[in-house]
Amino acid sequence: MEIWINPRCSKCRVAIGELDAAGAQYTVRRYLEEPPSVAELEAVLERLHLEPWDITRTDEQAAKDLGMKDREAWPRDASGRARWIAALADHPVLIQRPIITADDGTTVVGRTEEELAKVLPKS
């Protein structure tokens, strides 16, 4: 299992606490220090069954600087998908967190108990 975290994020700390409490084996990836590539983002999005705009933190300053809330400049459809993914790769602070990929391929944005439960080992 791998978890993408920002150590300053409270949701990431909660997720790690839940993984530890469940006795899960996992690898931590500090994605701000080791940003995912475009290919890695595409793979995670496929596993999440989400689009890049679904995991983009549009209230971050980098998103504001890029004008990402402007739906004409940043269309949320197939025509804009590659641009969104490139922006996430170039500005990893925009990626929602924590993203957890379980060994069975289940992948979640672990911000809620319900999502975390999907990747915790079954007792």
C-alpha atoms as a PDB file:
ATOM      1  CA  MET A   1       0.000   0.000   0.000  1.00  0.00           C
ATOM      2  CA  GLU A   2       1.184   3.522  -0.757  1.00  0.00           C
ATOM      3  CA  ILE A   3      -0.090   6.785   0.693  1.00  0.00           C
ATOM      4  CA  TRP A   4       0.617  10.170  -0.869  1.00  0.00           C
ATOM      5  CA  ILE A   5       0.810  12.745   1.898  1.00  0.00           C
ATOM      6  CA  ASN A   6       1.660  16.268   2.872  1.00  0.00           C
ATOM      7  CA  PRO A   7       2.875  15.875   6.486  1.00  0.00           C
ATOM      8  CA  ARG A   8       1.368  19.260   7.378  1.00  0.00           C
ATOM      9  CA  CYS A   9      -2.122  18.061   6.369  1.00  0.00           C
ATOM     10  CA  SER A  10      -4.395  16.996   9.235  1.00  0.00           C
ATOM     11  CA  LYS A  11      -6.338  14.571   6.989  1.00  0.00           C
ATOM     12  CA  CYS A  12      -3.050  12.883   6.059  1.00  0.00           C
ATOM     13  CA  ARG A  13      -2.091  12.526   9.717  1.00  0.00           C
ATOM     14  CA  VAL A  14      -5.515  11.017  10.502  1.00  0.00           C
ATOM     15  CA  ALA A  15      -5.162   8.559   7.606  1.00  0.00           C
ATOM     16  CA  ILE A  16      -1.711   7.460   8.782  1.00  0.00           C
ATOM     17  CA  GLY A  17      -3.072   7.013  12.301  1.00  0.00           C
ATOM     18  CA  GLU A  18      -5.876   4.800  10.958  1.00  0.00           C
ATOM     19  CA  LEU A  19      -3.449   2.758   8.860  1.00  0.00           C
ATOM     20  CA  ASP A  20      -1.158   2.306  11.879  1.00  0.00           C
ATOM     21  CA  ALA A  21      -4.071   1.357  14.157  1.00  0.00           C
ATOM     22  CA  ALA A  22      -5.182  -1.261  11.622  1.00  0.00           C
ATOM     23  CA  GLY A  23      -1.668  -2.689  11.391  1.00  0.00           C
ATOM     24  CA  ALA A  24      -1.423  -1.867   7.685  1.00  0.00           C
ATOM     25  CA  GLN A  25       1.909  -2.067   5.904  1.00  0.00           C
ATOM     26  CA  TYR A  26       2.417   0.992   3.725  1.00  0.00           C
ATOM     27  CA  THR A  27       4.931   3.251   2.052  1.00  0.00           C
ATOM     28  CA  VAL A  28       4.724   7.007   2.510  1.00  0.00           C
ATOM     29  CA  ARG A  29       5.246   9.244  -0.481  1.00  0.00           C
ATOM     30  CA  ARG A  30       5.663  12.915   0.304  1.00  0.00           C
ATOM     31  CA  TYR A  31       4.296  13.978  -3.030  1.00  0.00           C
ATOM     32  CA  LEU A  32       5.360  17.611  -2.675  1.00  0.00           C
ATOM     33  CA  GLU A  33       8.975  16.446  -2.464  1.00  0.00           C
ATOM     34  CA  GLU A  34       8.562  13.579  -4.956  1.00  0.00           C
ATOM     35  CA  PRO A  35       5.837  14.756  -7.349  1.00  0.00           C
ATOM     36  CA  PRO A  36       3.975  12.175  -9.392  1.00  0.00           C
ATOM     37  CA  SER A  37       4.563  12.114 -13.118  1.00  0.00           C
ATOM     38  CA  VAL A  38       1.839  12.635 -15.691  1.00  0.00           C
ATOM     39  CA  ALA A  39       1.738   8.857 -16.219  1.00  0.00           C
ATOM     40  CA  GLU A  40       1.399   8.203 -12.480  1.00  0.00           C
ATOM     41  CA  LEU A  41      -1.410  10.744 -12.227  1.00  0.00           C
ATOM     42  CA  GLU A  42      -3.217   9.177 -15.176  1.00  0.00           C
ATOM     43  CA  ALA A  43      -2.935   5.744 -13.542  1.00  0.00           C
ATOM     44  CA  VAL A  44      -4.203   7.012 -10.175  1.00  0.00           C
ATOM     45  CA  LEU A  45      -7.102   8.825 -11.821  1.00  0.00           C
ATOM     46  CA  GLU A  46      -8.051   5.646 -13.671  1.00  0.00           C
ATOM     47  CA  ARG A  47      -8.011   3.657 -10.421  1.00  0.00           C
ATOM     48  CA  LEU A  48     -10.001   6.388  -8.636  1.00  0.00           C
ATOM     49  CA  HIS A  49     -12.530   6.579 -11.492  1.00  0.00           C
ATOM     50  CA  LEU A  50     -12.170  10.365 -11.271  1.00  0.00           C
ATOM     51  CA  GLU A  51     -11.109  13.205 -13.517  1.00  0.00           C
ATOM     52  CA  PRO A  52      -8.179  15.514 -12.715  1.00  0.00           C
ATOM     53  CA  TRP A  53     -10.461  18.417 -11.770  1.00  0.00           C
ATOM     54  CA  ASP A  54     -12.079  16.122  -9.179  1.00  0.00           C
ATOM     55  CA  ILE A  55      -8.802  15.895  -7.239  1.00  0.00           C
ATOM     56  CA  THR A  56      -7.635  19.483  -7.770  1.00  0.00           C
ATOM     57  CA  ARG A  57      -7.455  21.862  -4.822  1.00  0.00           C
ATOM     58  CA  THR A  58      -8.774  24.906  -6.673  1.00  0.00           C
ATOM     59  CA  ASP A  59      -8.545  27.162  -3.622  1.00  0.00           C
ATOM     60  CA  GLU A  60      -4.751  26.847  -3.482  1.00  0.00           C
ATOM     61  CA  GLN A  61      -2.843  29.974  -4.528  1.00  0.00           C
ATOM     62  CA  ALA A  62      -1.262  28.120  -7.469  1.00  0.00           C
ATOM     63  CA  ALA A  63      -4.748  27.319  -8.818  1.00  0.00           C
ATOM     64  CA  LYS A  64      -5.795  30.946  -8.406  1.00  0.00           C
ATOM     65  CA  ASP A  65      -2.642  32.094 -10.178  1.00  0.00           C
ATOM     66  CA  LEU A  66      -3.440  29.728 -13.059  1.00  0.00           C
ATOM     67  CA  GLY A  67      -7.082  30.800 -13.165  1.00  0.00           C
ATOM     68  CA  MET A  68      -8.311  27.222 -12.809  1.00  0.00           C
ATOM     69  CA  LYS A  69     -11.806  28.205 -11.679  1.00  0.00           C
ATOM     70  CA  ASP A  70     -12.405  29.818 -15.080  1.00  0.00           C
ATOM     71  CA  ARG A  71     -14.322  27.059 -16.850  1.00  0.00           C
ATOM     72  CA  GLU A  72     -13.749  28.602 -20.285  1.00  0.00           C
ATOM     73  CA  ALA A  73      -9.982  28.716 -19.824  1.00  0.00           C
ATOM     74  CA  TRP A  74      -9.946  25.353 -18.007  1.00  0.00           C
ATOM     75  CA  PRO A  75     -12.697  23.208 -19.531  1.00  0.00           C
ATOM     76  CA  ARG A  76     -13.728  20.202 -17.467  1.00  0.00           C
ATOM     77  CA  ASP A  77     -14.036  17.785 -20.347  1.00  0.00           C
ATOM     78  CA  ALA A  78     -11.848  15.667 -22.608  1.00  0.00           C
ATOM     79  CA  SER A  79     -10.463  18.764 -24.351  1.00  0.00           C
ATOM     80  CA  GLY A  80      -8.950  20.083 -21.117  1.00  0.00           C
ATOM     81  CA  ARG A  81      -7.997  16.824 -19.397  1.00  0.00           C
ATOM     82  CA  ALA A  82      -4.321  16.751 -20.422  1.00  0.00           C
ATOM     83  CA  ARG A  83      -3.851  20.369 -19.347  1.00  0.00           C
ATOM     84  CA  TRP A  84      -5.313  19.615 -15.916  1.00  0.00           C
ATOM     85  CA  ILE A  85      -3.054  16.597 -15.462  1.00  0.00           C
ATOM     86  CA  ALA A  86       0.005  18.582 -16.550  1.00  0.00           C
ATOM     87  CA  ALA A  87      -0.883  21.300 -14.035  1.00  0.00           C
ATOM     88  CA  LEU A  88      -1.115  18.715 -11.238  1.00  0.00           C
ATOM     89  CA  ALA A  89       2.274  17.299 -12.231  1.00  0.00           C
ATOM     90  CA  ASP A  90       3.826  20.780 -12.383  1.00  0.00           C
ATOM     91  CA  HIS A  91       2.147  22.007  -9.174  1.00  0.00           C
ATOM     92  CA  PRO A  92       1.683  18.990  -6.879  1.00  0.00           C
ATOM     93  CA  VAL A  93       0.336  21.230  -4.111  1.00  0.00           C
ATOM     94  CA  LEU A  94      -2.873  21.193  -6.166  1.00  0.00           C
ATOM     95  CA  ILE A  95      -3.408  17.447  -5.633  1.00  0.00           C
ATOM     96  CA  GLN A  96      -6.060  16.497  -3.106  1.00  0.00           C
ATOM     97  CA  ARG A  97      -4.716  14.344  -0.311  1.00  0.00           C
ATOM     98  CA  PRO A  98      -4.185  11.792   1.037  1.00  0.00           C
ATOM     99  CA  ILE A  99      -4.349   9.421  -1.916  1.00  0.00           C
ATOM    100  CA  ILE A 100      -4.017   5.796  -0.854  1.00  0.00           C
ATOM    101  CA  THR A 101      -3.468   2.862  -3.184  1.00  0.00           C
ATOM    102  CA  ALA A 102      -3.994  -0.548  -1.612  1.00  0.00           C
ATOM    103  CA  ASP A 103      -2.137  -3.647  -2.743  1.00  0.00           C
ATOM    104  CA  ASP A 104      -5.299  -4.940  -4.455  1.00  0.00           C
ATOM    105  CA  GLY A 105      -5.438  -1.776  -6.591  1.00  0.00           C
ATOM    106  CA  THR A 106      -8.231  -0.105  -4.617  1.00  0.00           C
ATOM    107  CA  THR A 107      -7.434   3.593  -4.597  1.00  0.00           C
ATOM    108  CA  VAL A 108      -9.119   6.340  -2.577  1.00  0.00           C
ATOM    109  CA  VAL A 109      -8.785   9.957  -1.616  1.00  0.00           C
ATOM    110  CA  GLY A 110      -8.775   9.164   2.087  1.00  0.00           C
ATOM    111  CA  ARG A 111     -10.454  12.252   3.501  1.00  0.00           C
ATOM    112  CA  THR A 112     -13.359  10.457   5.186  1.00  0.00           C
ATOM    113  CA  GLU A 113     -13.761   7.401   7.404  1.00  0.00           C
ATOM    114  CA  GLU A 114     -15.801   5.733   4.658  1.00  0.00           C
ATOM    115  CA  GLU A 115     -13.049   6.137   2.066  1.00  0.00           C
ATOM    116  CA  LEU A 116     -10.339   5.029   4.488  1.00  0.00           C
ATOM    117  CA  ALA A 117     -12.337   1.909   5.352  1.00  0.00           C
ATOM    118  CA  LYS A 118     -12.119   0.807   1.706  1.00  0.00           C
ATOM    119  CA  VAL A 119      -8.338   0.313   1.966  1.00  0.00           C
ATOM    120  CA  LEU A 120      -7.880  -0.768   5.583  1.00  0.00           C
ATOM    121  CA  PRO A 121      -7.005  -4.405   6.173  1.00  0.00           C
ATOM    122  CA  LYS A 122     -10.049  -6.482   7.067  1.00  0.00           C
ATOM    123  CA  SER A 123      -9.843  -7.979  10.545  1.00  0.00           C
END
